Amino acid sequence: MDDAMPRAEQSAPSSRPASADDAGDTTAEEAGPVRPVARSGVRVYIVRRGDTLTAIARRELGSVRRWREIYELNNDRLESAHHLPIGFELLLPDR
């Protein structure tokens, strides 16, 4: 599969999960807070306006190519990889 991601849509927070085909590559306005969670090797990132899976992967994991790891940890709660609701608690793997 290609590592290129389509642009993400932006919207208000949603209680609905998003799906895997949306991960966009726009940059975030500011980094969301990250906190560890009980699962070993996993931490929580709070999605901010302008965030995309690729931007978060680059900033938090060091490579845009790691967006799929983020998606795989969250695909059961996301409607799309391109739609990250603001305020969504996104699970991130360790760096």
C-alpha atoms as a PDB file:
ATOM      1  CA  MET A   1       0.000   0.000   0.000  1.00  0.00           C
ATOM      2  CA  ASP A   2       1.092   3.586  -0.579  1.00  0.00           C
ATOM      3  CA  ASP A   3       2.253   5.620   2.422  1.00  0.00           C
ATOM      4  CA  ALA A   4       0.707   8.807   1.033  1.00  0.00           C
ATOM      5  CA  MET A   5      -2.338  10.014   2.933  1.00  0.00           C
ATOM      6  CA  PRO A   6      -5.209  12.205   1.688  1.00  0.00           C
ATOM      7  CA  ARG A   7      -6.031  15.489   3.388  1.00  0.00           C
ATOM      8  CA  ALA A   8      -7.997  15.293   6.636  1.00  0.00           C
ATOM      9  CA  GLU A   9     -11.358  16.889   7.311  1.00  0.00           C
ATOM     10  CA  GLN A  10     -11.745  19.008  10.423  1.00  0.00           C
ATOM     11  CA  SER A  11     -14.784  19.147  12.656  1.00  0.00           C
ATOM     12  CA  ALA A  12     -15.961  19.525  16.206  1.00  0.00           C
ATOM     13  CA  PRO A  13     -15.422  16.664  18.670  1.00  0.00           C
ATOM     14  CA  SER A  14     -17.606  13.659  18.102  1.00  0.00           C
ATOM     15  CA  SER A  15     -18.534  10.749  20.291  1.00  0.00           C
ATOM     16  CA  ARG A  16     -18.632   8.640  17.131  1.00  0.00           C
ATOM     17  CA  PRO A  17     -15.477   6.724  16.216  1.00  0.00           C
ATOM     18  CA  ALA A  18     -13.739   7.532  12.901  1.00  0.00           C
ATOM     19  CA  SER A  19     -12.362   5.100  10.284  1.00  0.00           C
ATOM     20  CA  ALA A  20      -9.044   4.122   8.712  1.00  0.00           C
ATOM     21  CA  ASP A  21      -8.919   5.631   5.284  1.00  0.00           C
ATOM     22  CA  ASP A  22      -8.427   9.234   6.481  1.00  0.00           C
ATOM     23  CA  ALA A  23      -5.060  10.401   7.715  1.00  0.00           C
ATOM     24  CA  GLY A  24      -4.280  13.681   5.902  1.00  0.00           C
ATOM     25  CA  ASP A  25      -0.986  15.480   5.965  1.00  0.00           C
ATOM     26  CA  THR A  26      -1.717  19.021   7.071  1.00  0.00           C
ATOM     27  CA  THR A  27       0.179  20.275  10.091  1.00  0.00           C
ATOM     28  CA  ALA A  28      -1.340  20.833  13.505  1.00  0.00           C
ATOM     29  CA  GLU A  29      -1.708  24.327  14.928  1.00  0.00           C
ATOM     30  CA  GLU A  30      -0.238  23.136  18.204  1.00  0.00           C
ATOM     31  CA  ALA A  31       0.659  19.826  19.778  1.00  0.00           C
ATOM     32  CA  GLY A  32      -1.928  18.235  22.019  1.00  0.00           C
ATOM     33  CA  PRO A  33      -0.994  16.993  25.455  1.00  0.00           C
ATOM     34  CA  VAL A  34       0.340  13.452  25.713  1.00  0.00           C
ATOM     35  CA  ARG A  35      -0.071  11.296  28.806  1.00  0.00           C
ATOM     36  CA  PRO A  36       0.826   7.675  29.586  1.00  0.00           C
ATOM     37  CA  VAL A  37      -1.947   5.099  29.989  1.00  0.00           C
ATOM     38  CA  ALA A  38      -2.131   1.799  31.827  1.00  0.00           C
ATOM     39  CA  ARG A  39      -1.334  -0.248  28.683  1.00  0.00           C
ATOM     40  CA  SER A  40       2.377  -0.877  28.438  1.00  0.00           C
ATOM     41  CA  GLY A  41       3.980   0.938  25.523  1.00  0.00           C
ATOM     42  CA  VAL A  42       0.930   3.132  24.868  1.00  0.00           C
ATOM     43  CA  ARG A  43       0.194   6.771  25.682  1.00  0.00           C
ATOM     44  CA  VAL A  44      -2.727   9.125  25.015  1.00  0.00           C
ATOM     45  CA  TYR A  45      -2.613  12.184  22.746  1.00  0.00           C
ATOM     46  CA  ILE A  46      -5.484  14.698  22.725  1.00  0.00           C
ATOM     47  CA  VAL A  47      -6.317  15.729  19.142  1.00  0.00           C
ATOM     48  CA  ARG A  48      -6.155  19.470  18.409  1.00  0.00           C
ATOM     49  CA  ARG A  49      -7.493  21.505  15.491  1.00  0.00           C
ATOM     50  CA  GLY A  50      -5.403  20.847  12.377  1.00  0.00           C
ATOM     51  CA  ASP A  51      -4.015  17.494  13.558  1.00  0.00           C
ATOM     52  CA  THR A  52      -3.668  14.607  11.127  1.00  0.00           C
ATOM     53  CA  LEU A  53      -2.297  11.126  11.677  1.00  0.00           C
ATOM     54  CA  THR A  54       0.760  11.932   9.557  1.00  0.00           C
ATOM     55  CA  ALA A  55       1.467  15.190  11.409  1.00  0.00           C
ATOM     56  CA  ILE A  56       1.084  13.469  14.789  1.00  0.00           C
ATOM     57  CA  ALA A  57       3.290  10.563  13.649  1.00  0.00           C
ATOM     58  CA  ARG A  58       6.006  12.979  12.496  1.00  0.00           C
ATOM     59  CA  ARG A  59       5.881  15.109  15.659  1.00  0.00           C
ATOM     60  CA  GLU A  60       5.319  12.417  18.309  1.00  0.00           C
ATOM     61  CA  LEU A  61       6.941   9.321  16.755  1.00  0.00           C
ATOM     62  CA  GLY A  62       9.611  10.864  14.533  1.00  0.00           C
ATOM     63  CA  SER A  63       8.341   9.657  11.133  1.00  0.00           C
ATOM     64  CA  VAL A  64       5.253  10.260   9.000  1.00  0.00           C
ATOM     65  CA  ARG A  65       5.447   6.598   7.947  1.00  0.00           C
ATOM     66  CA  ARG A  66       4.307   5.578  11.448  1.00  0.00           C
ATOM     67  CA  TRP A  67       0.776   6.978  10.954  1.00  0.00           C
ATOM     68  CA  ARG A  68      -0.468   3.421  10.330  1.00  0.00           C
ATOM     69  CA  GLU A  69       0.689   2.323  13.787  1.00  0.00           C
ATOM     70  CA  ILE A  70      -1.415   5.106  15.287  1.00  0.00           C
ATOM     71  CA  TYR A  71      -4.367   4.147  13.127  1.00  0.00           C
ATOM     72  CA  GLU A  72      -4.085   0.453  14.034  1.00  0.00           C
ATOM     73  CA  LEU A  73      -4.196   1.322  17.748  1.00  0.00           C
ATOM     74  CA  ASN A  74      -7.331   3.428  17.214  1.00  0.00           C
ATOM     75  CA  ASN A  75      -9.189   1.984  14.194  1.00  0.00           C
ATOM     76  CA  ASP A  76     -11.915   0.464  16.353  1.00  0.00           C
ATOM     77  CA  ARG A  77     -12.771   3.972  17.617  1.00  0.00           C
ATOM     78  CA  LEU A  78     -12.194   6.069  14.486  1.00  0.00           C
ATOM     79  CA  GLU A  79     -14.646   6.468  11.596  1.00  0.00           C
ATOM     80  CA  SER A  80     -11.830   7.371   9.244  1.00  0.00           C
ATOM     81  CA  ALA A  81      -8.088   7.976   9.283  1.00  0.00           C
ATOM     82  CA  HIS A  82      -8.859  11.340   7.643  1.00  0.00           C
ATOM     83  CA  HIS A  83     -11.270  12.527  10.314  1.00  0.00           C
ATOM     84  CA  LEU A  84      -9.811  13.183  13.763  1.00  0.00           C
ATOM     85  CA  PRO A  85     -12.364  14.854  16.019  1.00  0.00           C
ATOM     86  CA  ILE A  86     -10.918  17.686  18.093  1.00  0.00           C
ATOM     87  CA  GLY A  87     -10.585  16.505  21.699  1.00  0.00           C
ATOM     88  CA  PHE A  88     -10.412  12.818  20.699  1.00  0.00           C
ATOM     89  CA  GLU A  89      -8.130  10.716  22.930  1.00  0.00           C
ATOM     90  CA  LEU A  90      -5.818   9.059  20.422  1.00  0.00           C
ATOM     91  CA  LEU A  91      -3.650   6.161  21.590  1.00  0.00           C
ATOM     92  CA  LEU A  92       0.001   6.407  20.499  1.00  0.00           C
ATOM     93  CA  PRO A  93       2.683   3.713  20.541  1.00  0.00           C
ATOM     94  CA  ASP A  94       5.968   4.420  22.305  1.00  0.00           C
ATOM     95  CA  ARG A  95       8.546   6.322  20.319  1.00  0.00           C
END
